[in-house]
Amino acid sequence: MNFANHSMSACSVVFLVAALSACGGDSSADMGALDSGPVDSGTDAGPTDSGAVDMGPTAATCATYCAANLAACTGANVQYDSMANCMAECTAFAWPAGMPGATDGNSLECRVYHTTAAVAMPGMHCPHAGYTGGGVCGATCEDYCQMDMAVCGSQASPPFASMGDCMTACAAFAPTGMIGDMTGNTLQCRFYHLSVAAQSASMAMTHCGHTGISSLPCM
């Protein structure tokens, strides 16, 4: 009797352990079926900054200016007769660089701005885009005299003794000519001979004398 009771107790224990194991297995399976969802790392990387530096607009050069001007200002609006002459004049006149986008003032950037605008409206902007500045890219006499002093001031007999002498004389020159006039007592005729003088040292020897008060062609 005692042996039977002991056997029944042992069987009860085995049955209970098996039942608990079965329940535990079900619980583990259920836990494994749970969807934990995506894990949030807590870090938003956002767009990557490459660290590139914005250098702003590219500064104009005589080469880029001349190429654009020859393309935009043609026919009745032409300012230069060749790339070589434009380059020579741009270099000799030594215009201040100016600020990109400048719409007035005696500078290369002002002439570049009006050259760009001349693509759509050549009749309006080509005169401002050329070497004279058209009274927009610098005051006309100031432009003329600065360029004359730069190109012809070192001649043995310069047309003007000083910037002041040139400004005084220029005020008396009639501004009624056309760009490219080779004769006539006008400022435009003198501008033409100044532009030719800028093309080379030999041209300067011939044409600088035509830019002054007693200019034989411009009388």
C-alpha atoms as a PDB file:
ATOM      1  CA  MET A   1       0.000   0.000   0.000  1.00  0.00           C
ATOM      2  CA  ASN A   2       2.763   2.375   0.803  1.00  0.00           C
ATOM      3  CA  PHE A   3       4.546   1.340  -2.368  1.00  0.00           C
ATOM      4  CA  ALA A   4       1.435   2.029  -4.435  1.00  0.00           C
ATOM      5  CA  ASN A   5       0.991   5.467  -2.911  1.00  0.00           C
ATOM      6  CA  HIS A   6       4.616   6.247  -3.582  1.00  0.00           C
ATOM      7  CA  SER A   7       4.243   5.172  -7.200  1.00  0.00           C
ATOM      8  CA  MET A   8       1.155   7.357  -7.657  1.00  0.00           C
ATOM      9  CA  SER A   9       2.952  10.379  -6.189  1.00  0.00           C
ATOM     10  CA  ALA A  10       5.857   9.884  -8.554  1.00  0.00           C
ATOM     11  CA  CYS A  11       3.482   9.637 -11.499  1.00  0.00           C
ATOM     12  CA  SER A  12       1.729  12.819 -10.410  1.00  0.00           C
ATOM     13  CA  VAL A  13       5.047  14.685 -10.316  1.00  0.00           C
ATOM     14  CA  VAL A  14       6.024  13.451 -13.769  1.00  0.00           C
ATOM     15  CA  PHE A  15       2.631  14.439 -15.162  1.00  0.00           C
ATOM     16  CA  LEU A  16       2.877  17.931 -13.654  1.00  0.00           C
ATOM     17  CA  VAL A  17       6.388  18.527 -15.041  1.00  0.00           C
ATOM     18  CA  ALA A  18       5.267  17.398 -18.492  1.00  0.00           C
ATOM     19  CA  ALA A  19       2.269  19.698 -18.372  1.00  0.00           C
ATOM     20  CA  LEU A  20       4.379  22.657 -17.321  1.00  0.00           C
ATOM     21  CA  SER A  21       6.888  21.927 -20.091  1.00  0.00           C
ATOM     22  CA  ALA A  22       4.105  21.834 -22.636  1.00  0.00           C
ATOM     23  CA  CYS A  23       2.747  25.180 -21.418  1.00  0.00           C
ATOM     24  CA  GLY A  24       6.216  26.671 -21.467  1.00  0.00           C
ATOM     25  CA  GLY A  25       6.730  25.543 -25.051  1.00  0.00           C
ATOM     26  CA  ASP A  26       3.493  27.163 -26.135  1.00  0.00           C
ATOM     27  CA  SER A  27       4.492  30.387 -24.381  1.00  0.00           C
ATOM     28  CA  SER A  28       7.870  30.461 -26.117  1.00  0.00           C
ATOM     29  CA  ALA A  29       6.251  29.890 -29.492  1.00  0.00           C
ATOM     30  CA  ASP A  30       3.738  32.679 -28.836  1.00  0.00           C
ATOM     31  CA  MET A  31       6.510  35.091 -27.843  1.00  0.00           C
ATOM     32  CA  GLY A  32       8.435  34.268 -30.979  1.00  0.00           C
ATOM     33  CA  ALA A  33       5.382  35.110 -33.051  1.00  0.00           C
ATOM     34  CA  LEU A  34       5.294  38.664 -31.759  1.00  0.00           C
ATOM     35  CA  ASP A  35       6.246  41.327 -34.395  1.00  0.00           C
ATOM     36  CA  SER A  36       8.642  43.738 -32.769  1.00  0.00           C
ATOM     37  CA  GLY A  37       8.330  46.192 -35.739  1.00  0.00           C
ATOM     38  CA  PRO A  38      11.122  48.382 -37.138  1.00  0.00           C
ATOM     39  CA  VAL A  39      13.709  49.620 -34.682  1.00  0.00           C
ATOM     40  CA  ASP A  40      14.087  53.428 -34.450  1.00  0.00           C
ATOM     41  CA  SER A  41      17.765  54.225 -34.062  1.00  0.00           C
ATOM     42  CA  GLY A  42      16.903  57.726 -32.915  1.00  0.00           C
ATOM     43  CA  THR A  43      19.290  59.290 -35.452  1.00  0.00           C
ATOM     44  CA  ASP A  44      18.011  61.352 -38.418  1.00  0.00           C
ATOM     45  CA  ALA A  45      20.986  61.748 -40.777  1.00  0.00           C
ATOM     46  CA  GLY A  46      19.243  64.291 -42.994  1.00  0.00           C
ATOM     47  CA  PRO A  47      20.776  65.509 -46.297  1.00  0.00           C
ATOM     48  CA  THR A  48      24.542  65.237 -46.531  1.00  0.00           C
ATOM     49  CA  ASP A  49      26.488  68.493 -46.905  1.00  0.00           C
ATOM     50  CA  SER A  50      29.317  67.939 -49.378  1.00  0.00           C
ATOM     51  CA  GLY A  51      31.176  70.919 -48.000  1.00  0.00           C
ATOM     52  CA  ALA A  52      31.483  72.521 -51.465  1.00  0.00           C
ATOM     53  CA  VAL A  53      32.131  76.265 -51.378  1.00  0.00           C
ATOM     54  CA  ASP A  54      30.009  78.568 -53.564  1.00  0.00           C
ATOM     55  CA  MET A  55      32.604  80.746 -55.320  1.00  0.00           C
ATOM     56  CA  GLY A  56      30.006  83.058 -56.857  1.00  0.00           C
ATOM     57  CA  PRO A  57      30.037  84.363 -60.460  1.00  0.00           C
ATOM     58  CA  THR A  58      33.147  83.804 -62.529  1.00  0.00           C
ATOM     59  CA  ALA A  59      35.131  86.996 -63.149  1.00  0.00           C
ATOM     60  CA  ALA A  60      35.067  88.265 -66.725  1.00  0.00           C
ATOM     61  CA  THR A  61      38.152  88.227 -68.918  1.00  0.00           C
ATOM     62  CA  CYS A  62      38.957  90.027 -72.150  1.00  0.00           C
ATOM     63  CA  ALA A  63      38.693  86.689 -73.959  1.00  0.00           C
ATOM     64  CA  THR A  64      35.180  85.854 -72.715  1.00  0.00           C
ATOM     65  CA  TYR A  65      34.038  89.458 -73.194  1.00  0.00           C
ATOM     66  CA  CYS A  66      35.325  89.718 -76.758  1.00  0.00           C
ATOM     67  CA  ALA A  67      33.897  86.378 -77.848  1.00  0.00           C
ATOM     68  CA  ALA A  68      30.467  87.292 -76.487  1.00  0.00           C
ATOM     69  CA  ASN A  69      30.537  90.844 -77.877  1.00  0.00           C
ATOM     70  CA  LEU A  70      31.468  89.741 -81.394  1.00  0.00           C
ATOM     71  CA  ALA A  71      28.570  87.263 -81.324  1.00  0.00           C
ATOM     72  CA  ALA A  72      25.981  89.686 -79.914  1.00  0.00           C
ATOM     73  CA  CYS A  73      26.873  92.955 -81.663  1.00  0.00           C
ATOM     74  CA  THR A  74      26.916  92.535 -85.423  1.00  0.00           C
ATOM     75  CA  GLY A  75      25.925  94.503 -88.508  1.00  0.00           C
ATOM     76  CA  ALA A  76      24.882  98.053 -87.662  1.00  0.00           C
ATOM     77  CA  ASN A  77      25.591  97.347 -83.978  1.00  0.00           C
ATOM     78  CA  VAL A  78      29.172  96.064 -84.392  1.00  0.00           C
ATOM     79  CA  GLN A  79      31.705  97.296 -81.849  1.00  0.00           C
ATOM     80  CA  TYR A  80      34.871  95.441 -82.894  1.00  0.00           C
ATOM     81  CA  ASP A  81      35.904  94.207 -86.331  1.00  0.00           C
ATOM     82  CA  SER A  82      37.806  91.149 -85.112  1.00  0.00           C
ATOM     83  CA  MET A  83      38.656  89.065 -82.057  1.00  0.00           C
ATOM     84  CA  ALA A  84      42.301  90.133 -82.315  1.00  0.00           C
ATOM     85  CA  ASN A  85      41.453  93.833 -82.303  1.00  0.00           C
ATOM     86  CA  CYS A  86      38.973  93.460 -79.450  1.00  0.00           C
ATOM     87  CA  MET A  87      41.560  91.616 -77.373  1.00  0.00           C
ATOM     88  CA  ALA A  88      44.212  94.236 -78.110  1.00  0.00           C
ATOM     89  CA  GLU A  89      41.907  97.106 -77.205  1.00  0.00           C
ATOM     90  CA  CYS A  90      40.510  95.450 -74.078  1.00  0.00           C
ATOM     91  CA  THR A  91      44.047  94.787 -72.855  1.00  0.00           C
ATOM     92  CA  ALA A  92      45.438  98.218 -73.754  1.00  0.00           C
ATOM     93  CA  PHE A  93      42.544 100.184 -72.299  1.00  0.00           C
ATOM     94  CA  ALA A  94      43.014  98.354 -68.986  1.00  0.00           C
ATOM     95  CA  TRP A  95      39.467  98.873 -67.740  1.00  0.00           C
ATOM     96  CA  PRO A  96      38.951  98.191 -64.027  1.00  0.00           C
ATOM     97  CA  ALA A  97      37.475  94.734 -63.518  1.00  0.00           C
ATOM     98  CA  GLY A  98      34.358  95.966 -61.696  1.00  0.00           C
ATOM     99  CA  MET A  99      31.778  93.839 -59.911  1.00  0.00           C
ATOM    100  CA  PRO A 100      29.911  91.048 -61.740  1.00  0.00           C
ATOM    101  CA  GLY A 101      26.481  92.291 -62.775  1.00  0.00           C
ATOM    102  CA  ALA A 102      27.465  95.990 -62.768  1.00  0.00           C
ATOM    103  CA  THR A 103      25.113  97.962 -65.024  1.00  0.00           C
ATOM    104  CA  ASP A 104      27.089 101.200 -65.113  1.00  0.00           C
ATOM    105  CA  GLY A 105      30.570 102.547 -64.472  1.00  0.00           C
ATOM    106  CA  ASN A 106      33.749 102.302 -66.525  1.00  0.00           C
ATOM    107  CA  SER A 107      34.577  98.616 -66.029  1.00  0.00           C
ATOM    108  CA  LEU A 108      34.912  95.379 -67.926  1.00  0.00           C
ATOM    109  CA  GLU A 109      32.032  93.821 -65.969  1.00  0.00           C
ATOM    110  CA  CYS A 110      29.676  96.634 -67.027  1.00  0.00           C
ATOM    111  CA  ARG A 111      30.523  95.986 -70.673  1.00  0.00           C
ATOM    112  CA  VAL A 112      29.999  92.261 -70.106  1.00  0.00           C
ATOM    113  CA  TYR A 113      26.557  92.915 -68.596  1.00  0.00           C
ATOM    114  CA  HIS A 114      25.459  94.996 -71.597  1.00  0.00           C
ATOM    115  CA  THR A 115      26.964  92.483 -74.008  1.00  0.00           C
ATOM    116  CA  THR A 116      24.738  89.819 -72.438  1.00  0.00           C
ATOM    117  CA  ALA A 117      21.711  92.124 -72.604  1.00  0.00           C
ATOM    118  CA  ALA A 118      22.533  92.884 -76.241  1.00  0.00           C
ATOM    119  CA  VAL A 119      21.654  89.321 -77.251  1.00  0.00           C
ATOM    120  CA  ALA A 120      17.981  90.279 -76.870  1.00  0.00           C
ATOM    121  CA  MET A 121      18.239  94.033 -77.541  1.00  0.00           C
ATOM    122  CA  PRO A 122      21.365  94.813 -79.580  1.00  0.00           C
ATOM    123  CA  GLY A 123      20.274  98.262 -80.684  1.00  0.00           C
ATOM    124  CA  MET A 124      19.973  99.432 -77.092  1.00  0.00           C
ATOM    125  CA  HIS A 125      22.855  97.654 -75.406  1.00  0.00           C
ATOM    126  CA  CYS A 126      25.663  97.263 -77.962  1.00  0.00           C
ATOM    127  CA  PRO A 127      26.720 100.932 -77.690  1.00  0.00           C
ATOM    128  CA  HIS A 128      27.066 100.450 -73.914  1.00  0.00           C
ATOM    129  CA  ALA A 129      28.918  97.167 -74.408  1.00  0.00           C
ATOM    130  CA  GLY A 130      31.645  98.583 -76.660  1.00  0.00           C
ATOM    131  CA  TYR A 131      34.892 100.362 -75.929  1.00  0.00           C
ATOM    132  CA  THR A 132      33.286 103.813 -75.660  1.00  0.00           C
ATOM    133  CA  GLY A 133      30.872 102.685 -72.942  1.00  0.00           C
ATOM    134  CA  GLY A 134      28.102 104.637 -74.647  1.00  0.00           C
ATOM    135  CA  GLY A 135      27.788 107.041 -71.724  1.00  0.00           C
ATOM    136  CA  VAL A 136      26.549 104.179 -69.501  1.00  0.00           C
ATOM    137  CA  CYS A 137      29.674 102.174 -68.725  1.00  0.00           C
ATOM    138  CA  GLY A 138      31.402 105.314 -67.523  1.00  0.00           C
ATOM    139  CA  ALA A 139      31.032 108.996 -68.436  1.00  0.00           C
ATOM    140  CA  THR A 140      32.046 109.416 -72.090  1.00  0.00           C
ATOM    141  CA  CYS A 141      34.873 111.927 -71.666  1.00  0.00           C
ATOM    142  CA  GLU A 142      36.182 110.193 -68.567  1.00  0.00           C
ATOM    143  CA  ASP A 143      36.318 106.890 -70.474  1.00  0.00           C
ATOM    144  CA  TYR A 144      37.956 108.518 -73.462  1.00  0.00           C
ATOM    145  CA  CYS A 145      40.607 110.321 -71.470  1.00  0.00           C
ATOM    146  CA  GLN A 146      41.478 107.376 -69.242  1.00  0.00           C
ATOM    147  CA  MET A 147      41.950 105.210 -72.320  1.00  0.00           C
ATOM    148  CA  ASP A 148      43.876 107.892 -74.212  1.00  0.00           C
ATOM    149  CA  MET A 149      46.270 108.341 -71.295  1.00  0.00           C
ATOM    150  CA  ALA A 150      46.711 104.554 -71.035  1.00  0.00           C
ATOM    151  CA  VAL A 151      47.424 104.031 -74.738  1.00  0.00           C
ATOM    152  CA  CYS A 152      48.992 107.311 -75.880  1.00  0.00           C
ATOM    153  CA  GLY A 153      50.300 108.911 -72.695  1.00  0.00           C
ATOM    154  CA  SER A 154      53.753 107.361 -73.114  1.00  0.00           C
ATOM    155  CA  GLN A 155      54.252 108.612 -76.680  1.00  0.00           C
ATOM    156  CA  ALA A 156      57.109 111.078 -77.317  1.00  0.00           C
ATOM    157  CA  SER A 157      54.492 113.714 -78.092  1.00  0.00           C
ATOM    158  CA  PRO A 158      51.315 112.588 -76.303  1.00  0.00           C
ATOM    159  CA  PRO A 159      48.007 114.112 -77.418  1.00  0.00           C
ATOM    160  CA  PHE A 160      47.380 115.457 -73.902  1.00  0.00           C
ATOM    161  CA  ALA A 161      49.772 116.436 -71.146  1.00  0.00           C
ATOM    162  CA  SER A 162      47.477 115.212 -68.371  1.00  0.00           C
ATOM    163  CA  MET A 163      44.087 113.761 -67.588  1.00  0.00           C
ATOM    164  CA  GLY A 164      42.862 117.258 -66.761  1.00  0.00           C
ATOM    165  CA  ASP A 165      43.984 118.654 -70.124  1.00  0.00           C
ATOM    166  CA  CYS A 166      42.214 115.805 -71.891  1.00  0.00           C
ATOM    167  CA  MET A 167      38.970 116.309 -69.946  1.00  0.00           C
ATOM    168  CA  THR A 168      38.971 120.012 -70.827  1.00  0.00           C
ATOM    169  CA  ALA A 169      39.545 119.299 -74.520  1.00  0.00           C
ATOM    170  CA  CYS A 170      37.023 116.469 -74.640  1.00  0.00           C
ATOM    171  CA  ALA A 171      34.259 118.717 -73.365  1.00  0.00           C
ATOM    172  CA  ALA A 172      34.595 120.713 -76.576  1.00  0.00           C
ATOM    173  CA  PHE A 173      34.498 117.716 -78.943  1.00  0.00           C
ATOM    174  CA  ALA A 174      31.102 117.301 -80.619  1.00  0.00           C
ATOM    175  CA  PRO A 175      29.483 113.983 -79.548  1.00  0.00           C
ATOM    176  CA  THR A 176      27.446 113.848 -82.739  1.00  0.00           C
ATOM    177  CA  GLY A 177      29.415 111.261 -84.711  1.00  0.00           C
ATOM    178  CA  MET A 178      28.829 107.546 -85.094  1.00  0.00           C
ATOM    179  CA  ILE A 179      30.914 104.749 -83.631  1.00  0.00           C
ATOM    180  CA  GLY A 180      33.494 103.832 -86.265  1.00  0.00           C
ATOM    181  CA  ASP A 181      33.637 107.273 -87.939  1.00  0.00           C
ATOM    182  CA  MET A 182      37.148 107.780 -89.331  1.00  0.00           C
ATOM    183  CA  THR A 183      36.706 111.467 -90.168  1.00  0.00           C
ATOM    184  CA  GLY A 184      34.800 114.456 -88.851  1.00  0.00           C
ATOM    185  CA  ASN A 185      35.447 116.803 -85.950  1.00  0.00           C
ATOM    186  CA  THR A 186      33.732 114.635 -83.372  1.00  0.00           C
ATOM    187  CA  LEU A 187      34.540 112.672 -80.259  1.00  0.00           C
ATOM    188  CA  GLN A 188      33.528 109.469 -82.062  1.00  0.00           C
ATOM    189  CA  CYS A 189      36.181 110.029 -84.758  1.00  0.00           C
ATOM    190  CA  ARG A 190      38.817 110.419 -82.059  1.00  0.00           C
ATOM    191  CA  PHE A 191      37.493 107.303 -80.306  1.00  0.00           C
ATOM    192  CA  TYR A 192      37.953 105.384 -83.554  1.00  0.00           C
ATOM    193  CA  HIS A 193      41.597 106.403 -83.919  1.00  0.00           C
ATOM    194  CA  LEU A 194      42.177 105.655 -80.247  1.00  0.00           C
ATOM    195  CA  SER A 195      40.800 102.151 -80.737  1.00  0.00           C
ATOM    196  CA  VAL A 196      43.165 101.610 -83.684  1.00  0.00           C
ATOM    197  CA  ALA A 197      46.092 103.022 -81.696  1.00  0.00           C
ATOM    198  CA  ALA A 198      45.417 100.404 -78.995  1.00  0.00           C
ATOM    199  CA  GLN A 199      45.999  97.520 -81.407  1.00  0.00           C
ATOM    200  CA  SER A 200      49.802  97.703 -81.516  1.00  0.00           C
ATOM    201  CA  ALA A 201      52.807  99.914 -80.806  1.00  0.00           C
ATOM    202  CA  SER A 202      53.186 100.789 -84.477  1.00  0.00           C
ATOM    203  CA  MET A 203      49.503 101.708 -84.737  1.00  0.00           C
ATOM    204  CA  ALA A 204      49.876 103.886 -81.652  1.00  0.00           C
ATOM    205  CA  MET A 205      52.678 105.846 -83.301  1.00  0.00           C
ATOM    206  CA  THR A 206      50.414 106.625 -86.238  1.00  0.00           C
ATOM    207  CA  HIS A 207      47.003 107.053 -84.636  1.00  0.00           C
ATOM    208  CA  CYS A 208      47.647 108.592 -81.203  1.00  0.00           C
ATOM    209  CA  GLY A 209      48.211 111.939 -82.924  1.00  0.00           C
ATOM    210  CA  HIS A 210      44.716 111.661 -84.409  1.00  0.00           C
ATOM    211  CA  THR A 211      43.096 111.525 -80.984  1.00  0.00           C
ATOM    212  CA  GLY A 212      44.057 115.015 -79.842  1.00  0.00           C
ATOM    213  CA  ILE A 213      42.782 118.522 -80.478  1.00  0.00           C
ATOM    214  CA  SER A 214      44.711 119.021 -83.725  1.00  0.00           C
ATOM    215  CA  SER A 215      43.676 115.707 -85.283  1.00  0.00           C
ATOM    216  CA  LEU A 216      44.044 115.888 -89.076  1.00  0.00           C
ATOM    217  CA  PRO A 217      41.394 113.219 -89.855  1.00  0.00           C
ATOM    218  CA  CYS A 218      39.034 114.471 -87.154  1.00  0.00           C
ATOM    219  CA  MET A 219      38.754 118.084 -88.264  1.00  0.00           C
END
